[in-house]
């Protein structure tokens, strides 16, 4: 049974830099909206893009701090302009740190939950000065050599009280570099918005198409959107009855549109940012994820919940999730021929498409946003209680901390 100390509500600051909107930002919005139900009052600090704040409001979050001091709000720098980036990041960091300090003081924040390295650093400095715990949330599985070296160096001088990963593959990537306890909490989807009967397919489905293949991602190098463009081009002649939809924004959109025109992929539509993802999924018969960098893919979870099969690149976190949802067929990362062959085979077998979708819908209930929020809330409350106990040895003697696992979430969240 939860003690009086662990029943006490916790005040958390959630730092989510977000120049664009993707899976991490959507997950932050869902979690922030639900955590008050489990004893954690959250103040989200987001920016510089406004889309995350709009999504938070849609989720029912009332108190939102929109900041212009998180990086990424500037135009993509090219040539000599790239030399100004270190100064821009340093300037953003100084202003963001001051803003975080003010929020911690004005809202009596007890724990910081930080997503992405910029927030890890600025939030970490404030947390150490204020002697409060900080959690670093990691959600990607790909780091190049320079990033690994930089992260290793950073954690020699600044490290979190807890590393929160959304898959074991992410844990395997980050835990060797970050000397901190680790908790793995998979992402969750909104059951009210994503289910087999959700969405209006007519909103995005091209008229007259027999099959529609969709992909939704941030249009960045790490997501390999060019593989989806190549897929559409390769099947243009072989399957003229198939249309392709690419949802998402990013720095590469103009280049990708040019590549599509050059390859003759007139069967592919660039939709830009899509807010109504249930209707997007409803419009598609098959979803594709060619990305090299994922954590616990919201796209795959939502597709499974909608009863839609997925073809995805076989990277460790995707393999992990594919085994759990049982609704995906995998291909080797970067193997466009393998991707084309796999998609063509599935489109030729409607029965297999239907069977994969049905299995996904049956398994998706294991990954709900509510379960995710409950786990994270219990972890934060336990961390704050441990911090309080260290400051009050008498309390520590009467109530020891046991960090909650899945089987203790219900007790900790009561």
Protein backbone atom coordinates (compact mmCIF):
# COMPACT_ATOMS: atom_id res chain seq x y z
CA UNK A 1 0.00 0.00 0.00
CA UNK A 2 1.27 3.48 -0.88
CA UNK A 3 2.50 5.58 2.02
CA UNK A 4 1.37 9.13 2.75
CA UNK A 5 4.69 10.37 1.38
CA UNK A 6 4.22 8.65 -1.97
CA UNK A 7 0.57 9.79 -2.13
CA UNK A 8 1.61 13.43 -2.07
CA UNK A 9 1.34 15.09 -5.48
CA UNK A 10 4.53 15.87 -7.36
CA UNK A 11 5.26 18.98 -9.46
CA UNK A 12 7.26 18.27 -12.62
CA UNK A 13 8.68 20.39 -15.42
CA UNK A 14 8.67 18.64 -18.82
CA UNK A 15 11.24 20.08 -21.26
CA UNK A 16 10.46 19.23 -24.90
CA UNK A 17 12.37 21.17 -27.56
CA UNK A 18 10.28 20.90 -30.71
CA UNK A 19 10.89 22.97 -33.84
CA UNK A 20 8.74 20.43 -35.70
CA UNK A 21 6.15 17.87 -34.64
CA UNK A 22 6.75 14.14 -34.63
CA UNK A 23 6.37 11.01 -32.54
CA UNK A 24 8.37 12.26 -29.56
CA UNK A 25 6.36 15.46 -29.38
CA UNK A 26 3.04 13.64 -29.71
CA UNK A 27 4.08 11.23 -26.97
CA UNK A 28 5.04 14.16 -24.73
CA UNK A 29 1.62 15.73 -25.25
CA UNK A 30 -0.26 12.52 -24.44
CA UNK A 31 1.84 11.80 -21.36
CA UNK A 32 1.60 15.34 -20.03
CA UNK A 33 -2.18 15.34 -20.34
CA UNK A 34 -2.59 12.06 -18.44
CA UNK A 35 0.01 12.29 -15.69
CA UNK A 36 -2.11 14.49 -13.35
CA UNK A 37 -4.46 11.51 -13.03
CA UNK A 38 -1.56 9.65 -11.40
CA UNK A 39 -0.42 12.32 -8.96
CA UNK A 40 2.03 14.32 -11.09
CA UNK A 41 1.19 17.91 -12.05
CA UNK A 42 3.19 18.76 -15.15
CA UNK A 43 4.23 22.10 -16.60
CA UNK A 44 5.35 21.52 -20.21
CA UNK A 45 7.95 23.89 -21.66
CA UNK A 46 7.92 23.52 -25.45
CA UNK A 47 9.08 25.37 -28.54
CA UNK A 48 10.06 27.02 -30.72
CA UNK A 49 7.33 25.52 -32.91
CA UNK A 50 3.71 26.17 -31.99
CA UNK A 51 2.35 22.80 -33.14
CA UNK A 52 3.24 20.99 -29.92
CA UNK A 53 1.49 23.66 -27.85
CA UNK A 54 -1.61 23.35 -30.05
CA UNK A 55 -1.57 19.57 -29.61
CA UNK A 56 -1.20 19.94 -25.84
CA UNK A 57 -4.23 22.22 -25.74
CA UNK A 58 -6.17 19.70 -27.81
CA UNK A 59 -5.23 17.05 -25.23
CA UNK A 60 -6.64 19.26 -22.46
CA UNK A 61 -3.42 20.68 -21.01
CA UNK A 62 -4.12 24.20 -19.76
CA UNK A 63 -0.79 25.46 -18.45
CA UNK A 64 1.79 25.51 -21.25
CA UNK A 65 5.03 27.47 -21.46
CA UNK A 66 5.88 28.29 -25.08
CA UNK A 67 9.50 29.33 -25.35
CA UNK A 68 11.51 30.83 -28.17
CA UNK A 69 14.74 29.89 -26.44
CA UNK A 70 14.82 26.24 -27.53
CA UNK A 71 16.91 25.79 -30.70
CA UNK A 72 15.76 25.06 -34.23
CA UNK A 73 13.47 27.97 -34.94
CA UNK A 74 15.87 29.42 -37.48
CA UNK A 75 16.15 28.63 -41.19
CA UNK A 76 18.45 25.79 -42.17
CA UNK A 77 21.98 27.14 -42.34
CA UNK A 78 24.10 26.44 -45.42
CA UNK A 79 27.70 27.16 -46.30
CA UNK A 80 29.34 29.85 -44.17
CA UNK A 81 26.12 30.29 -42.19
CA UNK A 82 26.75 26.95 -40.47
CA UNK A 83 29.68 28.50 -38.61
CA UNK A 84 27.19 30.57 -36.59
CA UNK A 85 25.39 27.50 -35.21
CA UNK A 86 27.59 27.04 -32.09
CA UNK A 87 26.95 30.66 -31.11
CA UNK A 88 23.21 30.24 -31.72
CA UNK A 89 23.06 27.14 -29.53
CA UNK A 90 25.08 28.82 -26.80
CA UNK A 91 22.81 31.88 -26.85
CA UNK A 92 19.70 29.68 -26.75
CA UNK A 93 21.19 27.69 -23.91
CA UNK A 94 21.88 30.72 -21.75
CA UNK A 95 18.38 32.12 -22.21
CA UNK A 96 16.68 28.72 -21.82
CA UNK A 97 18.58 28.02 -18.61
CA UNK A 98 17.42 31.36 -17.14
CA UNK A 99 13.83 30.65 -18.15
CA UNK A 100 13.95 27.16 -16.62
CA UNK A 101 15.32 28.61 -13.37
CA UNK A 102 12.40 31.05 -13.20
CA UNK A 103 9.86 28.29 -13.84
CA UNK A 104 11.39 26.03 -11.19
CA UNK A 105 11.13 28.82 -8.63
CA UNK A 106 7.68 30.13 -9.58
CA UNK A 107 6.03 26.69 -9.83
CA UNK A 108 7.93 25.00 -6.98
CA UNK A 109 9.12 22.27 -9.35
CA UNK A 110 10.38 19.08 -7.67
CA UNK A 111 11.62 17.07 -10.66
CA UNK A 112 12.60 17.81 -14.26
CA UNK A 113 11.82 15.46 -17.15
CA UNK A 114 13.96 16.43 -20.14
CA UNK A 115 13.78 15.20 -23.72
CA UNK A 116 16.68 15.64 -26.21
CA UNK A 117 20.29 16.63 -25.42
CA UNK A 118 19.70 20.40 -25.39
CA UNK A 119 17.13 19.97 -22.60
CA UNK A 120 19.34 17.40 -20.86
CA UNK A 121 22.09 20.02 -20.57
CA UNK A 122 20.09 23.14 -19.73
CA UNK A 123 17.71 21.28 -17.43
CA UNK A 124 20.57 19.33 -15.89
CA UNK A 125 22.48 22.48 -14.91
CA UNK A 126 19.37 23.95 -13.26
CA UNK A 127 18.58 20.67 -11.49
CA UNK A 128 22.07 20.39 -10.04
CA UNK A 129 22.06 23.97 -8.83
CA UNK A 130 18.62 23.51 -7.30
CA UNK A 131 19.50 20.08 -5.88
CA UNK A 132 16.53 18.40 -7.48
CA UNK A 133 16.32 15.17 -9.49
CA UNK A 134 16.29 15.17 -13.28
CA UNK A 135 15.25 12.41 -15.67
CA UNK A 136 16.63 12.22 -19.20
CA UNK A 137 14.15 10.75 -21.63
CA UNK A 138 15.74 8.98 -24.61
CA UNK A 139 13.75 7.81 -27.60
CA UNK A 140 16.14 7.05 -30.46
CA UNK A 141 18.41 4.14 -31.20
CA UNK A 142 20.97 5.64 -33.58
CA UNK A 143 24.06 7.59 -32.57
CA UNK A 144 27.04 8.26 -34.80
CA UNK A 145 30.61 8.14 -33.48
CA UNK A 146 30.79 11.89 -32.82
CA UNK A 147 27.48 11.83 -30.90
CA UNK A 148 28.64 8.90 -28.79
CA UNK A 149 31.90 10.66 -27.96
CA UNK A 150 30.09 13.90 -27.13
CA UNK A 151 27.57 12.14 -24.91
CA UNK A 152 30.30 10.21 -23.10
CA UNK A 153 32.14 13.48 -22.45
CA UNK A 154 29.00 15.26 -21.27
CA UNK A 155 28.17 12.57 -18.73
CA UNK A 156 31.61 12.88 -17.13
CA UNK A 157 30.47 16.25 -15.78
CA UNK A 158 26.65 16.10 -15.94
CA UNK A 159 24.43 13.05 -15.65
CA UNK A 160 20.79 12.37 -14.74
CA UNK A 161 19.33 10.73 -11.68
CA UNK A 162 17.49 8.39 -14.04
CA UNK A 163 17.57 7.48 -17.73
CA UNK A 164 14.11 6.79 -19.14
CA UNK A 165 14.08 4.78 -22.39
CA UNK A 166 11.09 3.77 -24.51
CA UNK A 167 12.51 0.41 -25.61
CA UNK A 168 15.25 -2.02 -24.63
CA UNK A 169 16.99 -1.22 -27.92
CA UNK A 170 17.21 2.43 -26.84
CA UNK A 171 18.49 1.29 -23.45
CA UNK A 172 21.22 -0.71 -25.18
CA UNK A 173 22.23 2.40 -27.14
CA UNK A 174 22.34 4.91 -24.29
CA UNK A 175 22.98 3.05 -21.05
CA UNK A 176 26.66 2.25 -21.82
CA UNK A 177 27.26 6.00 -22.22
CA UNK A 178 25.13 7.41 -19.38
CA UNK A 179 26.03 6.33 -15.82
CA UNK A 180 22.55 6.32 -14.29
CA UNK A 181 19.79 3.89 -13.31
CA UNK A 182 17.55 2.97 -16.26
CA UNK A 183 13.82 2.42 -16.60
CA UNK A 184 12.21 1.20 -19.83
CA UNK A 185 8.66 2.44 -20.49
CA UNK A 186 7.26 1.77 -23.98
CA UNK A 187 5.32 4.50 -25.72
CA UNK A 188 1.54 4.36 -25.76
CA UNK A 189 -1.23 5.35 -28.15
CA UNK A 190 -4.52 7.10 -27.46
CA UNK A 191 -7.21 4.39 -27.48
CA UNK A 192 -9.92 6.99 -27.96
CA UNK A 193 -8.42 8.17 -31.26
CA UNK A 194 -6.85 5.02 -32.68
CA UNK A 195 -8.96 1.90 -33.18
CA UNK A 196 -10.13 -0.08 -36.23
CA UNK A 197 -13.25 2.06 -36.72
CA UNK A 198 -11.56 5.44 -36.26
CA UNK A 199 -10.95 8.09 -38.89
CA UNK A 200 -12.50 9.11 -42.20
CA UNK A 201 -10.68 7.38 -45.06
CA UNK A 202 -12.27 9.70 -47.62
CA UNK A 203 -10.26 12.61 -46.24
CA UNK A 204 -6.97 11.35 -47.70
CA UNK A 205 -7.68 8.32 -49.89
CA UNK A 206 -7.13 9.15 -53.58
CA UNK A 207 -10.31 8.50 -55.62
CA UNK A 208 -10.25 5.37 -57.74
CA UNK A 209 -7.25 3.78 -56.04
CA UNK A 210 -7.43 0.05 -55.35
CA UNK A 211 -4.70 0.13 -52.74
CA UNK A 212 -3.05 2.95 -50.81
CA UNK A 213 0.40 2.67 -49.22
CA UNK A 214 1.23 5.32 -46.61
CA UNK A 215 4.21 6.62 -44.71
CA UNK A 216 4.30 9.34 -42.02
CA UNK A 217 7.57 10.71 -40.70
CA UNK A 218 9.71 13.76 -40.15
CA UNK A 219 11.36 14.38 -43.52
CA UNK A 220 14.92 14.12 -42.27
CA UNK A 221 17.91 11.98 -43.28
CA UNK A 222 17.58 9.65 -40.29
CA UNK A 223 14.09 8.61 -41.41
CA UNK A 224 15.19 7.69 -44.97
CA UNK A 225 12.13 9.17 -46.75
CA UNK A 226 13.95 8.74 -50.07
CA UNK A 227 13.37 4.98 -49.78
CA UNK A 228 9.61 5.55 -49.79
CA UNK A 229 9.91 7.81 -52.85
CA UNK A 230 11.92 5.09 -54.59
CA UNK A 231 9.26 2.52 -53.64
CA UNK A 232 6.53 4.60 -55.26
CA UNK A 233 8.61 5.08 -58.41
CA UNK A 234 9.45 1.36 -58.64
CA UNK A 235 5.81 0.27 -58.43
CA UNK A 236 4.40 2.99 -60.71
CA UNK A 237 4.39 0.77 -63.82
CA UNK A 238 3.94 -2.59 -62.10
CA UNK A 239 0.96 -1.51 -59.98
CA UNK A 240 -0.83 1.47 -61.55
CA UNK A 241 -3.78 0.78 -59.22
CA UNK A 242 -1.68 1.69 -56.12
CA UNK A 243 -1.26 5.21 -54.74
CA UNK A 244 1.30 6.38 -52.21
CA UNK A 245 0.86 9.00 -49.46
CA UNK A 246 3.75 10.65 -47.61
CA UNK A 247 2.78 12.69 -44.54
CA UNK A 248 5.20 14.94 -42.69
CA UNK A 249 7.33 18.05 -42.87
CA UNK A 250 11.06 18.59 -42.63
CA UNK A 251 14.12 20.16 -44.14
CA UNK A 252 14.22 17.67 -47.02
CA UNK A 253 10.72 18.10 -48.38
CA UNK A 254 11.63 20.32 -51.37
CA UNK A 255 14.50 18.01 -52.34
CA UNK A 256 12.29 14.93 -52.06
CA UNK A 257 9.57 16.46 -54.21
CA UNK A 258 12.20 17.19 -56.84
CA UNK A 259 13.49 13.61 -56.66
CA UNK A 260 9.93 12.28 -57.04
CA UNK A 261 9.40 14.38 -60.17
CA UNK A 262 12.72 13.26 -61.62
CA UNK A 263 11.86 9.59 -60.98
CA UNK A 264 8.40 9.97 -62.46
CA UNK A 265 6.62 9.09 -59.20
CA UNK A 266 3.36 10.84 -60.05
CA UNK A 267 1.59 8.18 -58.00
CA UNK A 268 2.98 9.78 -54.81
CA UNK A 269 1.33 12.65 -52.93
CA UNK A 270 3.18 14.80 -50.37
CA UNK A 271 0.60 15.73 -47.73
CA UNK A 272 2.76 17.87 -45.44
CA UNK A 273 1.87 17.98 -41.76
CA UNK A 274 -1.18 15.82 -40.98
CA UNK A 275 -3.00 16.45 -37.72
CA UNK A 276 -5.72 13.87 -38.31
CA UNK A 277 -3.62 10.71 -38.17
CA UNK A 278 -6.59 8.35 -37.59
CA UNK A 279 -8.00 9.42 -40.97
CA UNK A 280 -4.57 9.02 -42.57
CA UNK A 281 -4.29 5.44 -41.28
CA UNK A 282 -7.88 4.73 -42.29
CA UNK A 283 -7.06 5.84 -45.85
CA UNK A 284 -4.19 3.35 -46.15
CA UNK A 285 -4.15 -0.40 -46.71
CA UNK A 286 -0.47 -0.78 -45.83
CA UNK A 287 2.02 1.41 -43.96
CA UNK A 288 5.77 1.67 -44.52
CA UNK A 289 8.55 2.71 -42.10
CA UNK A 290 12.03 2.79 -43.71
CA UNK A 291 13.66 4.74 -40.84
CA UNK A 292 17.11 4.00 -39.39
CA UNK A 293 16.35 5.83 -36.13
CA UNK A 294 13.40 4.84 -33.96
CA UNK A 295 12.77 4.17 -30.30
CA UNK A 296 9.28 2.82 -29.82
CA UNK A 297 7.55 3.85 -33.03
CA UNK A 298 4.27 5.70 -32.48
CA UNK A 299 3.58 5.21 -36.17
CA UNK A 300 3.76 1.41 -35.82
CA UNK A 301 1.71 1.41 -32.61
CA UNK A 302 -1.03 3.55 -34.11
CA UNK A 303 -1.08 1.46 -37.28
CA UNK A 304 -1.44 -1.72 -35.22
CA UNK A 305 -4.26 -0.18 -33.17
CA UNK A 306 -6.06 0.76 -36.41
CA UNK A 307 -5.68 -2.79 -37.74
CA UNK A 308 -3.20 -1.78 -40.45
CA UNK A 309 -0.12 -3.90 -41.30
CA UNK A 310 3.33 -2.34 -41.55
CA UNK A 311 6.44 -2.97 -43.62
CA UNK A 312 9.43 -1.66 -41.66
CA UNK A 313 13.22 -1.59 -41.74
CA UNK A 314 14.68 -4.24 -39.44
CA UNK A 315 16.51 -2.11 -36.87
CA UNK A 316 16.62 -3.32 -33.22
CA UNK A 317 13.76 -1.21 -31.76
CA UNK A 318 11.51 -2.01 -34.72
CA UNK A 319 12.26 -5.73 -34.41
CA UNK A 320 11.40 -5.47 -30.70
CA UNK A 321 8.05 -3.80 -31.39
CA UNK A 322 7.23 -5.99 -34.40
CA UNK A 323 7.53 -9.07 -32.21
CA UNK A 324 5.11 -7.55 -29.71
CA UNK A 325 2.45 -6.34 -32.16
CA UNK A 326 2.75 -9.23 -34.64
CA UNK A 327 1.57 -6.94 -37.45
CA UNK A 328 4.76 -6.11 -39.35
CA UNK A 329 6.90 -7.58 -42.10
CA UNK A 330 10.54 -6.51 -41.98
CA UNK A 331 13.15 -5.76 -44.64
CA UNK A 332 16.85 -4.96 -44.38
CA UNK A 333 17.56 -1.30 -43.67
CA UNK A 334 18.37 0.58 -46.89
CA UNK A 335 17.47 -2.37 -49.14
CA UNK A 336 15.05 -0.65 -51.51
CA UNK A 337 14.74 -3.73 -53.72
CA UNK A 338 13.78 -5.76 -50.66
CA UNK A 339 11.26 -3.09 -49.67
CA UNK A 340 9.71 -3.07 -53.15
CA UNK A 341 9.53 -6.87 -53.24
CA UNK A 342 7.96 -7.10 -49.77
CA UNK A 343 5.32 -4.45 -50.50
CA UNK A 344 4.48 -6.00 -53.89
CA UNK A 345 4.03 -9.44 -52.31
CA UNK A 346 1.73 -8.11 -49.60
CA UNK A 347 -0.39 -6.14 -52.06
CA UNK A 348 -0.83 -9.35 -54.05
CA UNK A 349 -2.17 -11.12 -50.94
CA UNK A 350 -5.21 -9.31 -49.46
CA UNK A 351 -5.76 -12.22 -47.06
CA UNK A 352 -2.31 -11.76 -45.56
CA UNK A 353 -2.83 -8.00 -45.23
CA UNK A 354 -6.05 -8.62 -43.36
CA UNK A 355 -4.50 -11.27 -41.08
CA UNK A 356 -1.57 -9.02 -40.15
CA UNK A 357 -3.90 -6.14 -39.41
CA UNK A 358 -6.14 -8.28 -37.21
CA UNK A 359 -3.17 -9.52 -35.17
CA UNK A 360 -1.97 -5.97 -34.64
CA UNK A 361 -5.36 -4.77 -33.44
CA UNK A 362 -5.48 -7.67 -30.98
CA UNK A 363 -2.02 -6.95 -29.53
CA UNK A 364 -2.01 -3.13 -29.51
CA UNK A 365 -3.93 -2.90 -26.23
CA UNK A 366 -0.67 -3.66 -24.41
CA UNK A 367 0.66 -0.22 -25.39
CA UNK A 368 -1.76 2.45 -24.22
CA UNK A 369 -0.96 6.07 -23.41
CA UNK A 370 -2.63 5.64 -20.04
CA UNK A 371 -0.34 2.75 -19.08
CA UNK A 372 2.68 4.76 -20.23
CA UNK A 373 1.63 7.82 -18.19
CA UNK A 374 0.98 5.67 -15.12
CA UNK A 375 4.44 4.09 -15.31
CA UNK A 376 6.25 7.39 -15.78
CA UNK A 377 4.23 9.05 -13.02
CA UNK A 378 5.03 6.27 -10.57
CA UNK A 379 8.73 6.50 -11.45
CA UNK A 380 8.81 10.29 -10.98
CA UNK A 381 6.93 10.11 -7.69
CA UNK A 382 9.31 7.45 -6.38
CA UNK A 383 12.30 9.53 -7.46
CA UNK A 384 10.98 12.65 -5.73
CA UNK A 385 10.16 10.64 -2.61
CA UNK A 386 13.72 9.28 -2.57
CA UNK A 387 15.04 12.83 -2.85
CA UNK A 388 12.79 14.01 -0.02
CA UNK A 389 13.90 11.08 2.11
CA UNK A 390 17.58 11.91 1.59
CA UNK A 391 16.87 15.43 2.81
CA UNK A 392 14.93 14.02 5.79
CA UNK A 393 16.79 10.94 7.17
CA UNK A 394 14.00 10.28 9.66
CA UNK A 395 11.56 9.73 6.84
CA UNK A 396 14.08 7.50 5.04
CA UNK A 397 14.27 5.21 8.07
CA UNK A 398 10.51 4.69 8.13
CA UNK A 399 9.89 4.37 4.40
CA UNK A 400 12.47 2.92 2.00
CA UNK A 401 12.20 3.47 -1.71
CA UNK A 402 11.48 0.61 -4.04
CA UNK A 403 11.54 1.86 -7.64
CA UNK A 404 8.25 0.76 -9.20
CA UNK A 405 8.06 -1.80 -11.99
CA UNK A 406 5.03 -2.65 -14.11
CA UNK A 407 3.48 -4.80 -11.39
CA UNK A 408 3.62 -1.94 -8.85
CA UNK A 409 2.22 0.90 -11.00
CA UNK A 410 -1.33 0.49 -9.76
CA UNK A 411 -0.22 0.67 -6.13
CA UNK A 412 2.11 3.63 -6.68
CA UNK A 413 -0.52 5.57 -8.66
CA UNK A 414 -3.31 5.17 -6.11
